[in-house]
PDB file of N, CA and C in Angstrom:
ATOM      1  N   MET A   1      11.753 -19.830 -38.118  1.00  0.00           N
ATOM      2  CA  MET A   1      12.722 -18.993 -37.341  1.00  0.00           C
ATOM      3  C   MET A   1      13.918 -18.844 -38.187  1.00  0.00           C
ATOM      4  N   LYS A   2      14.381 -17.553 -37.867  1.00  0.00           N
ATOM      5  CA  LYS A   2      15.746 -17.211 -38.688  1.00  0.00           C
ATOM      6  C   LYS A   2      16.965 -17.789 -38.151  1.00  0.00           C
ATOM      7  N   ASP A   3      18.006 -17.930 -38.795  1.00  0.00           N
ATOM      8  CA  ASP A   3      19.262 -18.290 -38.213  1.00  0.00           C
ATOM      9  C   ASP A   3      19.854 -17.291 -37.296  1.00  0.00           C
ATOM     10  N   GLU A   4      19.783 -16.075 -37.762  1.00  0.00           N
ATOM     11  CA  GLU A   4      20.427 -15.008 -37.047  1.00  0.00           C
ATOM     12  C   GLU A   4      19.359 -13.794 -36.961  1.00  0.00           C
ATOM     13  N   TYR A   5      19.411 -13.117 -35.849  1.00  0.00           N
ATOM     14  CA  TYR A   5      18.587 -11.898 -35.698  1.00  0.00           C
ATOM     15  C   TYR A   5      19.365 -10.704 -35.301  1.00  0.00           C
ATOM     16  N   ASP A   6      19.016  -9.505 -35.773  1.00  0.00           N
ATOM     17  CA  ASP A   6      19.695  -8.225 -35.708  1.00  0.00           C
ATOM     18  C   ASP A   6      19.246  -7.448 -34.446  1.00  0.00           C
ATOM     19  N   PHE A   7      20.071  -7.395 -33.400  1.00  0.00           N
ATOM     20  CA  PHE A   7      19.470  -6.695 -32.243  1.00  0.00           C
ATOM     21  C   PHE A   7      20.341  -5.449 -31.972  1.00  0.00           C
ATOM     22  N   THR A   8      20.827  -4.765 -33.087  1.00  0.00           N
ATOM     23  CA  THR A   8      21.561  -3.528 -32.926  1.00  0.00           C
ATOM     24  C   THR A   8      20.603  -2.397 -32.463  1.00  0.00           C
ATOM     25  N   ASN A   9      19.346  -2.366 -32.750  1.00  0.00           N
ATOM     26  CA  ASN A   9      18.411  -1.509 -32.318  1.00  0.00           C
ATOM     27  C   ASN A   9      17.525  -1.952 -31.188  1.00  0.00           C
ATOM     28  N   GLY A  10      17.796  -2.978 -30.578  1.00  0.00           N
ATOM     29  CA  GLY A  10      17.087  -3.556 -29.491  1.00  0.00           C
ATOM     30  C   GLY A  10      17.333  -2.730 -28.285  1.00  0.00           C
ATOM     31  N   LYS A  11      16.372  -2.855 -27.441  1.00  0.00           N
ATOM     32  CA  LYS A  11      16.451  -2.033 -26.049  1.00  0.00           C
ATOM     33  C   LYS A  11      16.455  -3.103 -24.997  1.00  0.00           C
ATOM     34  N   ARG A  12      17.509  -2.834 -24.091  1.00  0.00           N
ATOM     35  CA  ARG A  12      17.694  -3.825 -22.991  1.00  0.00           C
ATOM     36  C   ARG A  12      16.737  -3.399 -21.955  1.00  0.00           C
ATOM     37  N   GLY A  13      16.119  -4.450 -21.377  1.00  0.00           N
ATOM     38  CA  GLY A  13      15.328  -4.202 -20.271  1.00  0.00           C
ATOM     39  C   GLY A  13      13.899  -3.564 -20.655  1.00  0.00           C
ATOM     40  N   ALA A  14      13.496  -3.739 -21.828  1.00  0.00           N
ATOM     41  CA  ALA A  14      12.308  -3.064 -22.368  1.00  0.00           C
ATOM     42  C   ALA A  14      10.993  -3.520 -21.676  1.00  0.00           C
ATOM     43  N   VAL A  15      11.105  -4.836 -21.034  1.00  0.00           N
ATOM     44  CA  VAL A  15      10.018  -5.303 -20.322  1.00  0.00           C
ATOM     45  C   VAL A  15       9.947  -4.867 -18.834  1.00  0.00           C
ATOM     46  N   ALA A  16       8.762  -4.505 -18.483  1.00  0.00           N
ATOM     47  CA  ALA A  16       8.686  -3.889 -17.157  1.00  0.00           C
ATOM     48  C   ALA A  16       9.114  -4.801 -15.981  1.00  0.00           C
ATOM     49  N   SER A  17      10.048  -4.417 -15.097  1.00  0.00           N
ATOM     50  CA  SER A  17      10.316  -5.212 -13.996  1.00  0.00           C
ATOM     51  C   SER A  17       9.351  -5.451 -12.977  1.00  0.00           C
ATOM     52  N   ASN A  18       9.237  -6.710 -12.483  1.00  0.00           N
ATOM     53  CA  ASN A  18       8.262  -6.867 -11.432  1.00  0.00           C
ATOM     54  C   ASN A  18       9.078  -7.129 -10.132  1.00  0.00           C
ATOM     55  N   LYS A  19      10.181  -6.711 -10.115  1.00  0.00           N
ATOM     56  CA  LYS A  19      11.013  -7.015  -8.755  1.00  0.00           C
ATOM     57  C   LYS A  19      10.207  -6.451  -7.547  1.00  0.00           C
ATOM     58  N   GLY A  20      10.104  -7.341  -6.510  1.00  0.00           N
ATOM     59  CA  GLY A  20       9.396  -6.888  -5.273  1.00  0.00           C
ATOM     60  C   GLY A  20       7.942  -7.101  -5.303  1.00  0.00           C
ATOM     61  N   LYS A  21       7.493  -7.699  -6.419  1.00  0.00           N
ATOM     62  CA  LYS A  21       6.010  -8.063  -6.661  1.00  0.00           C
ATOM     63  C   LYS A  21       5.794  -9.537  -7.106  1.00  0.00           C
ATOM     64  N   THR A  22       4.815 -10.052  -6.648  1.00  0.00           N
ATOM     65  CA  THR A  22       4.372 -11.485  -7.015  1.00  0.00           C
ATOM     66  C   THR A  22       3.057 -11.473  -7.694  1.00  0.00           C
ATOM     67  N   ARG A  23       2.990 -12.045  -8.924  1.00  0.00           N
ATOM     68  CA  ARG A  23       1.673 -12.165  -9.506  1.00  0.00           C
ATOM     69  C   ARG A  23       0.879 -13.264  -8.820  1.00  0.00           C
ATOM     70  N   ILE A  24      -0.327 -13.006  -8.442  1.00  0.00           N
ATOM     71  CA  ILE A  24      -1.220 -13.994  -7.851  1.00  0.00           C
ATOM     72  C   ILE A  24      -2.665 -13.829  -8.462  1.00  0.00           C
ATOM     73  N   THR A  25      -3.513 -14.860  -8.168  1.00  0.00           N
ATOM     74  CA  THR A  25      -4.925 -14.818  -8.572  1.00  0.00           C
ATOM     75  C   THR A  25      -5.620 -14.884  -7.351  1.00  0.00           C
ATOM     76  N   ILE A  26      -6.553 -13.876  -7.148  1.00  0.00           N
ATOM     77  CA  ILE A  26      -7.435 -13.877  -5.943  1.00  0.00           C
ATOM     78  C   ILE A  26      -8.898 -13.568  -6.331  1.00  0.00           C
ATOM     79  N   MET A  27      -9.835 -14.010  -5.596  1.00  0.00           N
ATOM     80  CA  MET A  27     -11.264 -13.787  -5.836  1.00  0.00           C
ATOM     81  C   MET A  27     -11.613 -12.633  -5.006  1.00  0.00           C
ATOM     82  N   LEU A  28     -12.088 -11.545  -5.482  1.00  0.00           N
ATOM     83  CA  LEU A  28     -12.664 -10.209  -4.874  1.00  0.00           C
ATOM     84  C   LEU A  28     -14.082 -10.007  -5.095  1.00  0.00           C
ATOM     85  N   ASP A  29     -14.764  -9.410  -4.278  1.00  0.00           N
ATOM     86  CA  ASP A  29     -16.238  -9.156  -4.508  1.00  0.00           C
ATOM     87  C   ASP A  29     -16.220  -8.062  -5.687  1.00  0.00           C
ATOM     88  N   ASP A  30     -17.235  -8.096  -6.388  1.00  0.00           N
ATOM     89  CA  ASP A  30     -17.412  -7.130  -7.542  1.00  0.00           C
ATOM     90  C   ASP A  30     -17.404  -5.812  -6.997  1.00  0.00           C
ATOM     91  N   ALA A  31     -18.024  -5.640  -5.952  1.00  0.00           N
ATOM     92  CA  ALA A  31     -18.218  -4.189  -5.245  1.00  0.00           C
ATOM     93  C   ALA A  31     -16.757  -3.712  -4.855  1.00  0.00           C
ATOM     94  N   VAL A  32     -15.935  -4.678  -4.394  1.00  0.00           N
ATOM     95  CA  VAL A  32     -14.548  -4.311  -4.051  1.00  0.00           C
ATOM     96  C   VAL A  32     -13.759  -3.798  -5.316  1.00  0.00           C
ATOM     97  N   ILE A  33     -13.903  -4.521  -6.424  1.00  0.00           N
ATOM     98  CA  ILE A  33     -13.159  -4.031  -7.673  1.00  0.00           C
ATOM     99  C   ILE A  33     -13.756  -2.897  -8.057  1.00  0.00           C
ATOM    100  N   ASP A  34     -14.982  -2.650  -8.066  1.00  0.00           N
ATOM    101  CA  ASP A  34     -15.694  -1.405  -8.597  1.00  0.00           C
ATOM    102  C   ASP A  34     -15.198  -0.263  -7.737  1.00  0.00           C
ATOM    103  N   ALA A  35     -15.170  -0.414  -6.502  1.00  0.00           N
ATOM    104  CA  ALA A  35     -14.820   0.724  -5.507  1.00  0.00           C
ATOM    105  C   ALA A  35     -13.245   0.941  -5.819  1.00  0.00           C
ATOM    106  N   ALA A  36     -12.441   0.070  -5.994  1.00  0.00           N
ATOM    107  CA  ALA A  36     -11.060   0.218  -6.306  1.00  0.00           C
ATOM    108  C   ALA A  36     -10.765   0.853  -7.607  1.00  0.00           C
ATOM    109  N   ARG A  37     -11.620   0.494  -8.574  1.00  0.00           N
ATOM    110  CA  ARG A  37     -11.541   1.160  -9.961  1.00  0.00           C
ATOM    111  C   ARG A  37     -12.028   2.672  -9.815  1.00  0.00           C
ATOM    112  N   GLU A  38     -12.945   2.964  -9.121  1.00  0.00           N
ATOM    113  CA  GLU A  38     -13.453   4.264  -8.986  1.00  0.00           C
ATOM    114  C   GLU A  38     -12.375   5.144  -8.263  1.00  0.00           C
ATOM    115  N   ARG A  39     -11.735   4.662  -7.218  1.00  0.00           N
ATOM    116  CA  ARG A  39     -10.554   5.386  -6.414  1.00  0.00           C
ATOM    117  C   ARG A  39      -9.457   5.553  -7.356  1.00  0.00           C
ATOM    118  N   ALA A  40      -9.051   4.500  -8.083  1.00  0.00           N
ATOM    119  CA  ALA A  40      -7.956   4.571  -9.170  1.00  0.00           C
ATOM    120  C   ALA A  40      -8.206   5.579 -10.185  1.00  0.00           C
ATOM    121  N   GLN A  41      -9.381   5.573 -10.701  1.00  0.00           N
ATOM    122  CA  GLN A  41      -9.612   6.532 -11.779  1.00  0.00           C
ATOM    123  C   GLN A  41      -9.473   8.040 -11.130  1.00  0.00           C
ATOM    124  N   SER A  42      -9.999   8.244  -9.968  1.00  0.00           N
ATOM    125  CA  SER A  42      -9.938   9.652  -9.450  1.00  0.00           C
ATOM    126  C   SER A  42      -8.514   9.879  -9.034  1.00  0.00           C
ATOM    127  N   ALA A  43      -7.780   8.914  -8.688  1.00  0.00           N
ATOM    128  CA  ALA A  43      -6.336   9.264  -8.395  1.00  0.00           C
ATOM    129  C   ALA A  43      -5.390   9.185  -9.582  1.00  0.00           C
ATOM    130  N   GLY A  44      -5.933   8.710 -10.674  1.00  0.00           N
ATOM    131  CA  GLY A  44      -5.050   8.680 -11.915  1.00  0.00           C
ATOM    132  C   GLY A  44      -4.127   7.528 -11.812  1.00  0.00           C
ATOM    133  N   THR A  45      -4.419   6.373 -11.237  1.00  0.00           N
ATOM    134  CA  THR A  45      -3.418   5.316 -11.115  1.00  0.00           C
ATOM    135  C   THR A  45      -4.306   3.928 -11.357  1.00  0.00           C
ATOM    136  N   GLY A  46      -3.662   2.737 -11.235  1.00  0.00           N
ATOM    137  CA  GLY A  46      -4.384   1.554 -11.532  1.00  0.00           C
ATOM    138  C   GLY A  46      -5.154   1.067 -10.270  1.00  0.00           C
ATOM    139  N   TYR A  47      -6.070   0.168 -10.616  1.00  0.00           N
ATOM    140  CA  TYR A  47      -6.785  -0.365  -9.431  1.00  0.00           C
ATOM    141  C   TYR A  47      -6.218  -1.363  -8.589  1.00  0.00           C
ATOM    142  N   GLN A  48      -5.165  -2.047  -9.314  1.00  0.00           N
ATOM    143  CA  GLN A  48      -4.367  -3.036  -8.456  1.00  0.00           C
ATOM    144  C   GLN A  48      -3.464  -2.205  -7.530  1.00  0.00           C
ATOM    145  N   THR A  49      -2.983  -1.121  -7.915  1.00  0.00           N
ATOM    146  CA  THR A  49      -2.051  -0.218  -7.116  1.00  0.00           C
ATOM    147  C   THR A  49      -2.980   0.185  -5.853  1.00  0.00           C
ATOM    148  N   VAL A  50      -4.196   0.534  -6.122  1.00  0.00           N
ATOM    149  CA  VAL A  50      -5.209   0.949  -4.968  1.00  0.00           C
ATOM    150  C   VAL A  50      -5.331  -0.092  -4.000  1.00  0.00           C
ATOM    151  N   ILE A  51      -5.595  -1.372  -4.588  1.00  0.00           N
ATOM    152  CA  ILE A  51      -5.845  -2.548  -3.618  1.00  0.00           C
ATOM    153  C   ILE A  51      -4.511  -2.828  -2.994  1.00  0.00           C
ATOM    154  N   ASN A  52      -3.406  -2.823  -3.605  1.00  0.00           N
ATOM    155  CA  ASN A  52      -2.106  -3.076  -2.869  1.00  0.00           C
ATOM    156  C   ASN A  52      -1.798  -2.108  -1.786  1.00  0.00           C
ATOM    157  N   ASN A  53      -2.088  -0.731  -2.006  1.00  0.00           N
ATOM    158  CA  ASN A  53      -1.783   0.270  -1.073  1.00  0.00           C
ATOM    159  C   ASN A  53      -2.837  -0.029   0.181  1.00  0.00           C
ATOM    160  N   LEU A  54      -4.113  -0.198  -0.102  1.00  0.00           N
ATOM    161  CA  LEU A  54      -4.973  -0.499   1.029  1.00  0.00           C
ATOM    162  C   LEU A  54      -4.655  -1.643   1.932  1.00  0.00           C
ATOM    163  N   LEU A  55      -4.245  -2.734   1.171  1.00  0.00           N
ATOM    164  CA  LEU A  55      -3.798  -4.013   1.915  1.00  0.00           C
ATOM    165  C   LEU A  55      -2.634  -3.715   2.754  1.00  0.00           C
ATOM    166  N   ARG A  56      -1.478  -2.992   2.353  1.00  0.00           N
ATOM    167  CA  ARG A  56      -0.490  -2.483   2.956  1.00  0.00           C
ATOM    168  C   ARG A  56      -0.836  -1.717   4.162  1.00  0.00           C
ATOM    169  N   GLN A  57      -1.727  -0.733   3.907  1.00  0.00           N
ATOM    170  CA  GLN A  57      -2.036   0.109   5.138  1.00  0.00           C
ATOM    171  C   GLN A  57      -2.692  -0.747   6.227  1.00  0.00           C
ATOM    172  N   ALA A  58      -3.582  -1.664   5.841  1.00  0.00           N
ATOM    173  CA  ALA A  58      -4.287  -2.519   6.820  1.00  0.00           C
ATOM    174  C   ALA A  58      -3.322  -3.317   7.603  1.00  0.00           C
ATOM    175  N   LEU A  59      -2.249  -3.978   6.935  1.00  0.00           N
ATOM    176  CA  LEU A  59      -1.279  -4.842   7.489  1.00  0.00           C
ATOM    177  C   LEU A  59      -0.367  -3.970   8.443  1.00  0.00           C
ATOM    178  N   VAL A  60      -0.117  -2.795   7.931  1.00  0.00           N
ATOM    179  CA  VAL A  60       0.920  -1.959   8.808  1.00  0.00           C
ATOM    180  C   VAL A  60       0.212  -1.556  10.109  1.00  0.00           C
ATOM    181  N   SER A  61      -1.117  -1.193   9.965  1.00  0.00           N
ATOM    182  CA  SER A  61      -1.851  -0.789  11.351  1.00  0.00           C
ATOM    183  C   SER A  61      -2.018  -2.085  12.130  1.00  0.00           C
ATOM    184  N   GLN A  62      -2.034  -3.278  11.550  1.00  0.00           N
ATOM    185  CA  GLN A  62      -2.210  -4.403  12.412  1.00  0.00           C
ATOM    186  C   GLN A  62      -0.819  -4.709  13.050  1.00  0.00           C
ATOM    187  N   GLU A  63       0.383  -4.486  12.358  1.00  0.00           N
ATOM    188  CA  GLU A  63       1.590  -4.802  12.755  1.00  0.00           C
ATOM    189  C   GLU A  63       1.840  -3.916  14.073  1.00  0.00           C
ATOM    190  N   ALA A  64       1.337  -2.732  14.082  1.00  0.00           N
ATOM    191  CA  ALA A  64       1.626  -1.892  15.199  1.00  0.00           C
ATOM    192  C   ALA A  64       0.786  -2.480  16.463  1.00  0.00           C
ATOM    193  N   HIS A  65      -0.059  -3.233  16.264  1.00  0.00           N
ATOM    194  CA  HIS A  65      -0.778  -3.861  17.257  1.00  0.00           C
ATOM    195  C   HIS A  65      -0.580  -5.391  17.448  1.00  0.00           C
ATOM    196  N   ASN A  66       0.682  -5.753  17.063  1.00  0.00           N
ATOM    197  CA  ASN A  66       1.044  -7.237  17.190  1.00  0.00           C
ATOM    198  C   ASN A  66       0.262  -8.245  16.413  1.00  0.00           C
ATOM    199  N   LEU A  67      -0.416  -7.844  15.302  1.00  0.00           N
ATOM    200  CA  LEU A  67      -1.196  -8.537  14.376  1.00  0.00           C
ATOM    201  C   LEU A  67      -2.489  -9.201  15.213  1.00  0.00           C
ATOM    202  N   ALA A  68      -2.618  -8.965  16.262  1.00  0.00           N
ATOM    203  CA  ALA A  68      -3.840  -9.487  17.155  1.00  0.00           C
ATOM    204  C   ALA A  68      -5.056  -8.717  16.849  1.00  0.00           C
ATOM    205  N   PRO A  69      -6.121  -9.416  16.582  1.00  0.00           N
ATOM    206  CA  PRO A  69      -7.399  -8.635  16.354  1.00  0.00           C
ATOM    207  C   PRO A  69      -7.717  -7.709  17.715  1.00  0.00           C
ATOM    208  N   ALA A  70      -8.359  -6.627  17.511  1.00  0.00           N
ATOM    209  CA  ALA A  70      -8.665  -5.938  18.591  1.00  0.00           C
ATOM    210  C   ALA A  70      -9.730  -6.577  19.553  1.00  0.00           C
ATOM    211  N   PRO A  71      -9.556  -6.524  20.915  1.00  0.00           N
ATOM    212  CA  PRO A  71     -10.461  -7.148  21.692  1.00  0.00           C
ATOM    213  C   PRO A  71     -11.798  -6.455  21.637  1.00  0.00           C
ATOM    214  N   LYS A  72     -12.817  -7.243  21.834  1.00  0.00           N
ATOM    215  CA  LYS A  72     -14.223  -6.626  21.841  1.00  0.00           C
ATOM    216  C   LYS A  72     -14.332  -5.771  23.029  1.00  0.00           C
ATOM    217  N   LYS A  73     -14.713  -4.574  22.836  1.00  0.00           N
ATOM    218  CA  LYS A  73     -14.915  -3.577  23.987  1.00  0.00           C
ATOM    219  C   LYS A  73     -16.364  -3.172  24.056  1.00  0.00           C
ATOM    220  N   ARG A  74     -16.813  -2.856  25.215  1.00  0.00           N
ATOM    221  CA  ARG A  74     -18.047  -2.281  25.303  1.00  0.00           C
ATOM    222  C   ARG A  74     -18.043  -0.962  24.719  1.00  0.00           C
ATOM    223  N   ALA A  75     -19.073  -0.556  24.156  1.00  0.00           N
ATOM    224  CA  ALA A  75     -19.249   0.861  23.699  1.00  0.00           C
ATOM    225  C   ALA A  75     -19.163   1.776  24.828  1.00  0.00           C
ATOM    226  N   LYS A  76     -18.230   2.765  24.801  1.00  0.00           N
ATOM    227  CA  LYS A  76     -18.244   3.669  25.855  1.00  0.00           C
ATOM    228  C   LYS A  76     -18.668   5.068  25.310  1.00  0.00           C
ATOM    229  N   PRO A  77     -19.194   5.818  26.220  1.00  0.00           N
ATOM    230  CA  PRO A  77     -19.719   7.139  25.713  1.00  0.00           C
ATOM    231  C   PRO A  77     -18.477   8.107  25.162  1.00  0.00           C
ATOM    232  N   LEU A  78     -18.668   8.733  24.191  1.00  0.00           N
ATOM    233  CA  LEU A  78     -17.669   9.656  23.674  1.00  0.00           C
ATOM    234  C   LEU A  78     -17.323  10.791  24.582  1.00  0.00           C
ATOM    235  N   LYS A  79     -16.126  11.013  24.884  1.00  0.00           N
ATOM    236  CA  LYS A  79     -15.763  12.087  25.714  1.00  0.00           C
ATOM    237  C   LYS A  79     -15.064  13.144  24.640  1.00  0.00           C
ATOM    238  N   VAL A  80     -15.521  14.360  24.792  1.00  0.00           N
ATOM    239  CA  VAL A  80     -14.966  15.394  23.967  1.00  0.00           C
ATOM    240  C   VAL A  80     -13.699  15.898  24.607  1.00  0.00           C
ATOM    241  N   LEU A  81     -12.678  15.822  24.005  1.00  0.00           N
ATOM    242  CA  LEU A  81     -11.488  16.424  24.638  1.00  0.00           C
ATOM    243  C   LEU A  81     -11.363  17.924  24.648  1.00  0.00           C
ATOM    244  N   ASN A  82     -10.534  18.589  25.261  1.00  0.00           N
ATOM    245  CA  ASN A  82     -10.438  19.917  25.327  1.00  0.00           C
ATOM    246  C   ASN A  82     -10.433  20.642  24.155  1.00  0.00           C
ATOM    247  N   SER A  83      -9.753  20.141  23.130  1.00  0.00           N
ATOM    248  CA  SER A  83      -9.745  20.851  21.754  1.00  0.00           C
ATOM    249  C   SER A  83     -11.052  20.494  20.848  1.00  0.00           C
ATOM    250  N   GLY A  84     -11.850  19.674  21.440  1.00  0.00           N
ATOM    251  CA  GLY A  84     -13.073  19.704  20.580  1.00  0.00           C
ATOM    252  C   GLY A  84     -12.928  18.317  19.855  1.00  0.00           C
ATOM    253  N   ILE A  85     -12.048  17.451  19.876  1.00  0.00           N
ATOM    254  CA  ILE A  85     -11.872  16.262  19.077  1.00  0.00           C
ATOM    255  C   ILE A  85     -12.359  15.091  19.917  1.00  0.00           C
ATOM    256  N   SER A  86     -13.260  14.285  19.368  1.00  0.00           N
ATOM    257  CA  SER A  86     -13.759  13.144  20.121  1.00  0.00           C
ATOM    258  C   SER A  86     -12.669  12.078  20.277  1.00  0.00           C
ATOM    259  N   LEU A  87     -12.901  11.135  21.267  1.00  0.00           N
ATOM    260  CA  LEU A  87     -11.858  10.035  21.431  1.00  0.00           C
ATOM    261  C   LEU A  87     -11.710   9.322  20.246  1.00  0.00           C
ATOM    262  N   SER A  88     -12.886   8.926  19.592  1.00  0.00           N
ATOM    263  CA  SER A  88     -12.920   7.941  18.371  1.00  0.00           C
ATOM    264  C   SER A  88     -12.174   8.659  17.147  1.00  0.00           C
ATOM    265  N   GLU A  89     -12.339  10.019  17.101  1.00  0.00           N
ATOM    266  CA  GLU A  89     -11.508  10.757  16.066  1.00  0.00           C
ATOM    267  C   GLU A  89     -10.046  10.748  16.454  1.00  0.00           C
ATOM    268  N   VAL A  90      -9.728  10.791  17.545  1.00  0.00           N
ATOM    269  CA  VAL A  90      -8.321  10.763  17.960  1.00  0.00           C
ATOM    270  C   VAL A  90      -7.734   9.215  17.613  1.00  0.00           C
ATOM    271  N   GLU A  91      -8.434   8.272  17.890  1.00  0.00           N
ATOM    272  CA  GLU A  91      -8.079   6.856  17.624  1.00  0.00           C
ATOM    273  C   GLU A  91      -8.018   6.747  16.006  1.00  0.00           C
ATOM    274  N   ALA A  92      -8.842   7.183  15.249  1.00  0.00           N
ATOM    275  CA  ALA A  92      -8.920   7.086  13.866  1.00  0.00           C
ATOM    276  C   ALA A  92      -7.695   7.804  13.223  1.00  0.00           C
ATOM    277  N   LEU A  93      -7.483   8.933  13.845  1.00  0.00           N
ATOM    278  CA  LEU A  93      -6.194   9.784  13.388  1.00  0.00           C
ATOM    279  C   LEU A  93      -4.968   8.953  13.742  1.00  0.00           C
ATOM    280  N   GLU A  94      -4.919   8.430  14.756  1.00  0.00           N
ATOM    281  CA  GLU A  94      -3.791   7.558  15.336  1.00  0.00           C
ATOM    282  C   GLU A  94      -3.574   6.458  14.156  1.00  0.00           C
ATOM    283  N   GLN A  95      -4.527   5.728  13.815  1.00  0.00           N
ATOM    284  CA  GLN A  95      -4.387   4.608  12.867  1.00  0.00           C
ATOM    285  C   GLN A  95      -3.944   5.052  11.572  1.00  0.00           C
ATOM    286  N   GLN A  96      -4.489   6.235  11.098  1.00  0.00           N
ATOM    287  CA  GLN A  96      -3.938   6.903   9.922  1.00  0.00           C
ATOM    288  C   GLN A  96      -2.513   7.300  10.019  1.00  0.00           C
ATOM    289  N   LEU A  97      -1.891   7.816  11.013  1.00  0.00           N
ATOM    290  CA  LEU A  97      -0.712   8.204  11.229  1.00  0.00           C
ATOM    291  C   LEU A  97       0.255   7.016  11.195  1.00  0.00           C
ATOM    292  N   ILE A  98      -0.251   5.887  11.894  1.00  0.00           N
ATOM    293  CA  ILE A  98       0.635   4.745  11.838  1.00  0.00           C
ATOM    294  C   ILE A  98       0.704   4.041  10.401  1.00  0.00           C
ATOM    295  N   ALA A  99      -0.259   4.158   9.601  1.00  0.00           N
ATOM    296  CA  ALA A  99      -0.193   3.770   8.238  1.00  0.00           C
ATOM    297  C   ALA A  99       0.643   4.611   7.389  1.00  0.00           C
ATOM    298  N   VAL A 100       0.657   5.893   7.619  1.00  0.00           N
ATOM    299  CA  VAL A 100       1.445   6.825   6.790  1.00  0.00           C
ATOM    300  C   VAL A 100       2.871   6.660   7.200  1.00  0.00           C
ATOM    301  N   ALA A 101       3.165   6.487   8.525  1.00  0.00           N
ATOM    302  CA  ALA A 101       4.568   6.326   8.826  1.00  0.00           C
ATOM    303  C   ALA A 101       5.030   4.993   8.353  1.00  0.00           C
ATOM    304  N   GLY A 102       4.304   3.999   8.306  1.00  0.00           N
ATOM    305  CA  GLY A 102       4.662   2.711   7.745  1.00  0.00           C
ATOM    306  C   GLY A 102       5.110   2.793   6.310  1.00  0.00           C
ATOM    307  N   GLU A 103       4.083   3.521   5.596  1.00  0.00           N
ATOM    308  CA  GLU A 103       4.449   3.827   4.086  1.00  0.00           C
ATOM    309  C   GLU A 103       5.673   4.582   3.916  1.00  0.00           C
ATOM    310  N   LEU A 104       5.823   5.641   4.748  1.00  0.00           N
ATOM    311  CA  LEU A 104       7.033   6.415   4.636  1.00  0.00           C
ATOM    312  C   LEU A 104       8.324   5.582   4.814  1.00  0.00           C
ATOM    313  N   ASN A 105       8.360   4.847   5.812  1.00  0.00           N
ATOM    314  CA  ASN A 105       9.389   3.786   6.175  1.00  0.00           C
ATOM    315  C   ASN A 105       9.720   3.031   4.958  1.00  0.00           C
ATOM    316  N   ARG A 106       8.629   2.479   4.491  1.00  0.00           N
ATOM    317  CA  ARG A 106       8.759   1.593   3.155  1.00  0.00           C
ATOM    318  C   ARG A 106       9.428   2.282   2.051  1.00  0.00           C
ATOM    319  N   VAL A 107       8.993   3.443   1.721  1.00  0.00           N
ATOM    320  CA  VAL A 107       9.360   4.282   0.523  1.00  0.00           C
ATOM    321  C   VAL A 107      10.847   4.845   0.767  1.00  0.00           C
ATOM    322  N   LEU A 108      11.093   5.296   2.105  1.00  0.00           N
ATOM    323  CA  LEU A 108      12.356   5.753   2.453  1.00  0.00           C
ATOM    324  C   LEU A 108      13.426   4.561   2.293  1.00  0.00           C
ATOM    325  N   GLY A 109      12.943   3.418   2.780  1.00  0.00           N
ATOM    326  CA  GLY A 109      13.787   2.294   2.872  1.00  0.00           C
ATOM    327  C   GLY A 109      14.224   1.793   1.529  1.00  0.00           C
ATOM    328  N   THR A 110      13.173   1.935   0.544  1.00  0.00           N
ATOM    329  CA  THR A 110      13.367   1.479  -0.779  1.00  0.00           C
ATOM    330  C   THR A 110      14.366   2.496  -1.440  1.00  0.00           C
ATOM    331  N   SER A 111      14.152   3.767  -1.307  1.00  0.00           N
ATOM    332  CA  SER A 111      15.127   4.711  -1.858  1.00  0.00           C
ATOM    333  C   SER A 111      16.466   4.704  -1.290  1.00  0.00           C
ATOM    334  N   ARG A 112      16.607   4.374  -0.027  1.00  0.00           N
ATOM    335  CA  ARG A 112      17.949   4.167   0.514  1.00  0.00           C
ATOM    336  C   ARG A 112      18.743   2.951  -0.125  1.00  0.00           C
ATOM    337  N   SER A 113      17.893   1.866  -0.248  1.00  0.00           N
ATOM    338  CA  SER A 113      18.578   0.657  -0.786  1.00  0.00           C
ATOM    339  C   SER A 113      18.982   0.876  -2.168  1.00  0.00           C
ATOM    340  N   ALA A 114      18.107   1.580  -2.925  1.00  0.00           N
ATOM    341  CA  ALA A 114      18.435   1.910  -4.408  1.00  0.00           C
ATOM    342  C   ALA A 114      19.708   2.693  -4.469  1.00  0.00           C
ATOM    343  N   LYS A 115      19.786   3.655  -3.508  1.00  0.00           N
ATOM    344  CA  LYS A 115      21.011   4.659  -3.581  1.00  0.00           C
ATOM    345  C   LYS A 115      22.251   3.900  -3.200  1.00  0.00           C
ATOM    346  N   SER A 116      22.160   2.972  -2.307  1.00  0.00           N
ATOM    347  CA  SER A 116      23.319   2.226  -1.720  1.00  0.00           C
ATOM    348  C   SER A 116      23.787   1.228  -2.897  1.00  0.00           C
ATOM    349  N   LYS A 117      22.805   0.642  -3.634  1.00  0.00           N
ATOM    350  CA  LYS A 117      23.145  -0.056  -4.751  1.00  0.00           C
ATOM    351  C   LYS A 117      23.808   0.618  -5.961  1.00  0.00           C
ATOM    352  N   ALA A 118      23.384   1.830  -6.052  1.00  0.00           N
ATOM    353  CA  ALA A 118      23.856   2.681  -7.099  1.00  0.00           C
ATOM    354  C   ALA A 118      25.290   3.156  -6.847  1.00  0.00           C
ATOM    355  N   THR A 119      25.750   3.272  -5.478  1.00  0.00           N
ATOM    356  CA  THR A 119      26.975   3.573  -5.214  1.00  0.00           C
ATOM    357  C   THR A 119      27.976   2.442  -5.214  1.00  0.00           C
ATOM    358  N   LEU A 120      27.528   1.145  -5.307  1.00  0.00           N
ATOM    359  CA  LEU A 120      28.418   0.019  -5.232  1.00  0.00           C
ATOM    360  C   LEU A 120      29.133  -0.091  -6.747  1.00  0.00           C
TER     361      LEU A 120
END
């Protein structure tokens, strides 16, 4: 090891920040990893990002329902609404909207907090 090092050309913060994220080790099925990698490749992003986003969406949709599992319901016949959309399609769209709204709140909340920190 040298007694002194020259940091005149050094870059501050060159290491990627992991603020807001925690490194963990989990065991996932091979099929889950393969599916995430396929989605990531088609989206041009990393497979861990895909898994993170899917988990966030699942948790957001459960938060809207108090984190309680859905009660077992008897299968009911599908009723087609006036506009031609079935009840199950409406429920699926509702879940997607809840997930999107949660993601928007997360992103907008992050950008607002970053702006407020920048003004300080």
